[in-house]
Amino acid sequence: MSWAGSEPSQIYLGQTQVGVWSPAWTDDGVQWLSTGSAQEGWAQGVELLRHEGQPRRQRVAVWLSGALVRPFVFEPVQGLRRWSEALQVAAGLAPEATGLDGPCEVWLDDWMPGKSCIAIAIDRGLREAIESTAKSERIRLTAIRPWWVAALNEAVKSQAPARGFLAIEELDALTVLSGGAGVFTSAACYSPRPDPTQMEALLTRALMAANVAVADGLRAKLDDEATSGHKDAEASQRGFTAFGVRLEPIA
């Protein structure tokens, strides 16, 4: 996926809120709207870009909240040898594994026969709705990605002490990744996001289950009042997010 040239507009899509950012806006700020559903939020985001005088043809990167794109561990399946078959099986398991409704599409991270891997699932209807609207509105989608992947990239780039445990907090979800030797082997999503008391208890249990010390855990938060602003060409190639990532220790 090429990010060369001017930065695309960006839409962060959640279950109850949508954030919209455009490089053409002079204050570099993100505009937030409440919404009744993810599909409604997508339509609102597109309409806001149109209302603000953006060109008819434009480029848009879509960031999806953890409530909409959820990871799970895809365990080995005996006799499975082909990537296409693995995708089909994982897609069939995704609704029960993640709690997403309806048929899912799945992406597998570094799948190999006989090995477990992290799978990422999205409701197929939502993805089709995003692509259908983009086609009818003559929008070029430069990316459709989970925001928690951007948070993970920031954690890795920061060289912070995230040795095996990362908790990613968004407006409507908590995504927890754990593992060792630079590889995540466990993944879970909690949506709606637990309240503060529930979250601390949940993270304490998750750290113990992963056998990770509190000092080796990292928390990434969506900063819904900040924007990363314009980035250089190198940052754009990494897939920068206009929706701020705030990193801090677990405790």
Protein backbone atom coordinates (compact mmCIF):
# COMPACT_ATOMS: atom_id res chain seq x y z
CA MET A 1 0.00 0.00 0.00
CA SER A 2 1.56 3.31 -1.05
CA TRP A 3 1.41 6.37 1.19
CA ALA A 4 3.51 8.54 -1.11
CA GLY A 5 2.58 12.14 -1.71
CA SER A 6 0.17 14.16 0.39
CA GLU A 7 -1.31 12.54 3.45
CA PRO A 8 -4.80 11.06 3.14
CA SER A 9 -7.72 12.19 5.24
CA GLN A 10 -8.36 9.81 8.12
CA ILE A 11 -11.44 8.39 9.77
CA TYR A 12 -11.41 6.54 13.08
CA LEU A 13 -14.47 4.34 13.31
CA GLY A 14 -15.89 2.96 16.54
CA GLN A 15 -19.23 1.59 17.67
CA THR A 16 -20.44 4.83 19.24
CA GLN A 17 -18.03 7.52 18.00
CA VAL A 18 -16.32 8.51 14.79
CA GLY A 19 -13.29 10.78 14.48
CA VAL A 20 -12.40 12.63 11.29
CA TRP A 21 -9.15 14.38 10.36
CA SER A 22 -8.01 16.07 7.16
CA PRO A 23 -4.57 17.47 6.28
CA ALA A 24 -6.42 20.38 4.67
CA TRP A 25 -7.81 21.59 8.01
CA THR A 26 -5.64 24.43 9.25
CA ASP A 27 -5.88 23.59 12.96
CA ASP A 28 -4.82 19.96 12.43
CA GLY A 29 -7.56 18.92 14.87
CA VAL A 30 -9.70 15.80 14.91
CA GLN A 31 -13.46 16.31 14.82
CA TRP A 32 -15.50 13.79 16.83
CA LEU A 33 -19.14 12.80 16.35
CA SER A 34 -21.41 10.47 18.31
CA THR A 35 -23.02 7.71 16.28
CA GLY A 36 -25.54 4.91 16.66
CA SER A 37 -23.52 2.22 14.87
CA ALA A 38 -20.28 1.69 12.99
CA GLN A 39 -21.96 1.83 9.58
CA GLU A 40 -23.80 5.02 10.54
CA GLY A 41 -20.53 6.47 11.81
CA TRP A 42 -18.80 5.73 8.52
CA ALA A 43 -21.53 7.57 6.61
CA GLN A 44 -21.24 10.52 9.04
CA GLY A 45 -17.48 10.64 8.62
CA VAL A 46 -17.69 10.70 4.84
CA GLU A 47 -20.38 13.39 4.98
CA LEU A 48 -18.24 15.55 7.28
CA LEU A 49 -15.35 15.44 4.82
CA ARG A 50 -17.73 16.43 2.03
CA HIS A 51 -19.25 19.23 4.11
CA GLU A 52 -15.83 20.67 4.89
CA GLY A 53 -15.20 21.24 1.19
CA GLN A 54 -12.87 18.37 0.46
CA PRO A 55 -12.40 17.48 -3.22
CA ARG A 56 -14.81 15.00 -4.78
CA ARG A 57 -11.97 12.58 -5.41
CA GLN A 58 -9.91 12.04 -2.28
CA ARG A 59 -7.85 9.52 -0.39
CA VAL A 60 -9.01 8.24 3.00
CA ALA A 61 -7.35 5.94 5.53
CA VAL A 62 -9.77 4.13 7.83
CA TRP A 63 -8.83 3.13 11.37
CA LEU A 64 -11.18 0.67 13.05
CA SER A 65 -11.57 0.37 16.80
CA GLY A 66 -10.80 -2.82 18.68
CA ALA A 67 -14.53 -3.40 19.08
CA LEU A 68 -14.79 -3.75 15.29
CA VAL A 69 -11.56 -5.60 14.47
CA ARG A 70 -10.69 -8.21 17.07
CA PRO A 71 -7.70 -10.55 17.44
CA PHE A 72 -7.79 -14.17 18.56
CA VAL A 73 -5.41 -17.10 18.65
CA PHE A 74 -5.87 -19.49 15.72
CA GLU A 75 -4.75 -22.88 16.98
CA PRO A 76 -3.29 -25.59 14.71
CA VAL A 77 -5.83 -27.69 12.82
CA GLN A 78 -4.83 -31.22 11.89
CA GLY A 79 -4.49 -31.74 8.14
CA LEU A 80 -4.54 -28.02 7.30
CA ARG A 81 -1.83 -27.23 4.76
CA ARG A 82 -2.96 -24.38 2.52
CA TRP A 83 -3.23 -20.69 3.33
CA SER A 84 -6.61 -20.39 1.62
CA GLU A 85 -7.99 -23.29 3.66
CA ALA A 86 -6.61 -21.79 6.87
CA LEU A 87 -8.36 -18.50 6.12
CA GLN A 88 -11.63 -20.30 5.54
CA VAL A 89 -11.40 -22.27 8.76
CA ALA A 90 -10.35 -19.23 10.79
CA ALA A 91 -13.22 -17.20 9.36
CA GLY A 92 -15.64 -19.91 10.47
CA LEU A 93 -14.22 -19.85 14.01
CA ALA A 94 -14.03 -16.05 14.27
CA PRO A 95 -17.59 -15.20 15.42
CA GLU A 96 -17.43 -17.53 18.42
CA ALA A 97 -13.79 -16.68 19.19
CA THR A 98 -14.30 -12.90 19.10
CA GLY A 99 -17.98 -12.28 19.79
CA LEU A 100 -18.46 -10.50 16.46
CA ASP A 101 -21.86 -10.93 14.83
CA GLY A 102 -22.36 -12.39 11.40
CA PRO A 103 -19.86 -13.78 8.88
CA CYS A 104 -16.30 -12.57 9.33
CA GLU A 105 -13.26 -11.95 7.19
CA VAL A 106 -9.94 -12.91 8.75
CA TRP A 107 -6.29 -12.03 8.27
CA LEU A 108 -3.64 -14.42 9.65
CA ASP A 109 -0.33 -13.17 11.03
CA ASP A 110 2.53 -15.40 9.86
CA TRP A 111 0.49 -18.62 9.63
CA MET A 112 2.33 -21.91 9.14
CA PRO A 113 0.88 -25.46 9.13
CA GLY A 114 0.94 -26.98 12.60
CA LYS A 115 1.62 -23.65 14.34
CA SER A 116 -0.66 -21.29 16.21
CA CYS A 117 -0.82 -17.65 15.13
CA ILE A 118 -2.71 -14.44 15.78
CA ALA A 119 -5.82 -13.98 13.63
CA ILE A 120 -7.58 -10.66 13.12
CA ALA A 121 -11.32 -10.68 12.37
CA ILE A 122 -13.73 -8.08 11.02
CA ASP A 123 -17.44 -8.34 10.33
CA ARG A 124 -17.74 -8.90 6.58
CA GLY A 125 -20.82 -6.71 6.30
CA LEU A 126 -19.00 -3.73 7.78
CA ARG A 127 -16.05 -4.06 5.44
CA GLU A 128 -18.36 -4.39 2.44
CA ALA A 129 -20.31 -1.31 3.55
CA ILE A 130 -17.11 0.74 3.83
CA GLU A 131 -15.92 -0.35 0.39
CA SER A 132 -19.35 0.15 -1.21
CA THR A 133 -19.67 3.71 0.08
CA ALA A 134 -16.11 4.49 -0.96
CA LYS A 135 -16.87 3.30 -4.49
CA SER A 136 -20.10 5.29 -4.78
CA GLU A 137 -18.47 8.43 -3.32
CA ARG A 138 -15.36 8.04 -5.49
CA ILE A 139 -13.09 7.73 -2.45
CA ARG A 140 -9.79 5.88 -2.71
CA LEU A 141 -9.24 3.83 0.44
CA THR A 142 -5.52 3.87 1.18
CA ALA A 143 -5.92 1.55 4.18
CA ILE A 144 -8.45 -0.20 6.41
CA ARG A 145 -6.61 -1.10 9.60
CA PRO A 146 -7.18 -1.72 13.30
CA TRP A 147 -6.10 1.29 15.35
CA TRP A 148 -4.56 -1.05 17.91
CA VAL A 149 -2.00 -2.09 15.27
CA ALA A 150 -0.89 1.55 15.08
CA ALA A 151 -0.61 1.56 18.87
CA LEU A 152 1.45 -1.64 18.71
CA ASN A 153 3.77 -0.05 16.14
CA GLU A 154 4.25 2.98 18.38
CA ALA A 155 5.09 0.74 21.33
CA VAL A 156 7.72 -1.12 19.30
CA LYS A 157 9.15 2.12 17.90
CA SER A 158 9.41 3.70 21.35
CA GLN A 159 11.56 0.85 22.65
CA ALA A 160 9.56 1.08 25.87
CA PRO A 161 9.70 -1.87 28.31
CA ALA A 162 6.88 -3.81 26.66
CA ARG A 163 8.56 -7.17 27.08
CA GLY A 164 5.63 -9.40 26.42
CA PHE A 165 2.48 -7.53 27.44
CA LEU A 166 0.59 -4.67 25.82
CA ALA A 167 -2.85 -3.39 26.88
CA ILE A 168 -4.48 -1.09 24.32
CA GLU A 169 -7.33 1.12 25.55
CA GLU A 170 -9.78 2.72 23.13
CA LEU A 171 -13.13 4.42 23.50
CA ASP A 172 -15.11 1.18 23.20
CA ALA A 173 -12.62 -1.66 23.70
CA LEU A 174 -9.62 -3.03 25.53
CA THR A 175 -7.25 -5.21 23.49
CA VAL A 176 -4.66 -7.28 25.35
CA LEU A 177 -1.65 -8.90 23.65
CA SER A 178 0.92 -11.02 25.46
CA GLY A 179 3.75 -13.36 24.59
CA GLY A 180 7.52 -13.55 24.66
CA ALA A 181 10.69 -13.22 22.59
CA GLY A 182 9.09 -10.44 20.58
CA VAL A 183 6.19 -12.63 19.46
CA PHE A 184 2.62 -12.32 20.75
CA THR A 185 1.04 -15.70 21.44
CA SER A 186 -2.11 -14.60 23.25
CA ALA A 187 -4.73 -12.06 22.23
CA ALA A 188 -8.08 -10.97 23.62
CA CYS A 189 -10.54 -8.13 23.12
CA TYR A 190 -12.99 -6.82 25.71
CA SER A 191 -15.89 -4.76 24.38
CA PRO A 192 -17.43 -2.64 25.72
CA ARG A 193 -14.33 -1.35 27.47
CA PRO A 194 -14.30 -2.32 31.16
CA ASP A 195 -14.71 0.45 33.72
CA PRO A 196 -11.50 1.54 35.53
CA THR A 197 -11.92 -0.81 38.51
CA GLN A 198 -12.75 -3.81 36.33
CA MET A 199 -9.89 -2.98 33.98
CA GLU A 200 -7.22 -2.94 36.66
CA ALA A 201 -8.40 -6.28 38.05
CA LEU A 202 -8.54 -7.76 34.54
CA LEU A 203 -5.01 -6.58 33.72
CA THR A 204 -3.66 -7.95 36.98
CA ARG A 205 -5.11 -11.38 36.17
CA ALA A 206 -3.88 -11.22 32.58
CA LEU A 207 -0.33 -10.36 33.66
CA MET A 208 -0.31 -13.29 36.07
CA ALA A 209 -1.68 -15.67 33.42
CA ALA A 210 1.01 -14.52 30.97
CA ASN A 211 3.70 -14.82 33.66
CA VAL A 212 4.76 -11.23 32.99
CA ALA A 213 5.90 -8.81 35.69
CA VAL A 214 3.97 -5.56 36.01
CA ALA A 215 7.17 -3.67 35.20
CA ASP A 216 7.35 -5.44 31.85
CA GLY A 217 3.86 -4.42 30.75
CA LEU A 218 2.88 -1.39 28.74
CA ARG A 219 -0.39 0.45 28.28
CA ALA A 220 -1.32 2.31 25.07
CA LYS A 221 -4.25 4.72 25.08
CA LEU A 222 -6.19 6.46 22.36
CA ASP A 223 -5.85 10.16 23.04
CA ASP A 224 -9.15 11.43 21.64
CA GLU A 225 -8.25 15.06 22.32
CA ALA A 226 -4.98 15.07 20.39
CA THR A 227 -3.75 14.53 16.90
CA SER A 228 -0.31 13.55 15.72
CA GLY A 229 -0.50 16.23 13.03
CA HIS A 230 1.53 16.19 9.82
CA LYS A 231 4.31 13.64 9.57
CA ASP A 232 7.34 13.33 7.39
CA ALA A 233 7.51 10.97 4.42
CA GLU A 234 9.15 8.21 6.45
CA ALA A 235 6.36 8.30 9.04
CA SER A 236 3.76 8.22 6.29
CA GLN A 237 5.34 5.09 4.89
CA ARG A 238 4.89 3.46 8.30
CA GLY A 239 1.20 4.33 8.15
CA PHE A 240 0.93 7.19 10.61
CA THR A 241 -2.28 7.73 12.52
CA ALA A 242 -3.73 11.19 13.14
CA PHE A 243 -5.33 9.76 16.31
CA GLY A 244 -2.89 10.13 19.16
CA VAL A 245 -1.21 7.16 20.85
CA ARG A 246 -0.25 7.72 24.49
CA LEU A 247 2.12 5.17 26.02
CA GLU A 248 2.56 4.61 29.75
CA PRO A 249 3.48 1.82 32.17
CA ILE A 250 0.78 -0.59 33.35
CA ALA A 251 1.33 0.63 36.91
